[in-house]
Amino acid sequence: MLETVAEGRLFALDRQMLISIGIQLFNISILAAALSFILYKPVSDFIRRRADRIREQMVRARDDVARAGELKAHYEEKLKDIELERAEILKSARRIAAEKSGQILDEAKKEAAAVRERAAAYLQTERERVNKEMKLHVIEVSSLMAEKFVTRAIDGDTQDRLFAEAMAELEDTAWLS
């Protein structure tokens, strides 16, 4: 075959070549028909199933995105509610703290007033006690001074007469208790 090819040419377009090309085209068409008959249905089923899976995944993805949006909105609403509840709790805590501090101040004022009253009563009692002690002391000192004065200034007869007069006066007056 190489001998019939003219010089400078790679192949010859002769009848044998055309028959060979025709046979190859016929074989290719039979092979394509057989392959399409054998493989068309499985390949088309595979492609259809794959397209269905992709479609389902897209629908699921859309649903997931929608659900995610709903969840996001739901959680944002919950966050707003939590923020409002937090503000309400803080407000309530501040109000309770103010009430408690008012109560504590009132109790402290009452306690201070009670302490002042007790102190005033104690001071009054102490004053009265000290006054009584002072009176007794003054009486004692006065009587000692009077005794010294009288013993120096008065003789025995005058003493007896003054003593009798004092006793008579004491008997006439009632004792104060």
Foldseek 3Di string as FASTA:
>chain_A
DVVPDDPPDDDDPDDVVVVVVVVVVVVVVVVVVVCCVVPVVVVVVVVVVVVVVVVVVVVVVVVVVVVVVVVVVVVVVVVVVVVVVVVVVVVVVVVVVVVVVVVVVVVVVVVVVVVVVVVVVVVVVVVVVVVVVVVVVVVVVVVVVVVVVCVVPDDDVVVVVVVVVVVVVVVVDDDDD
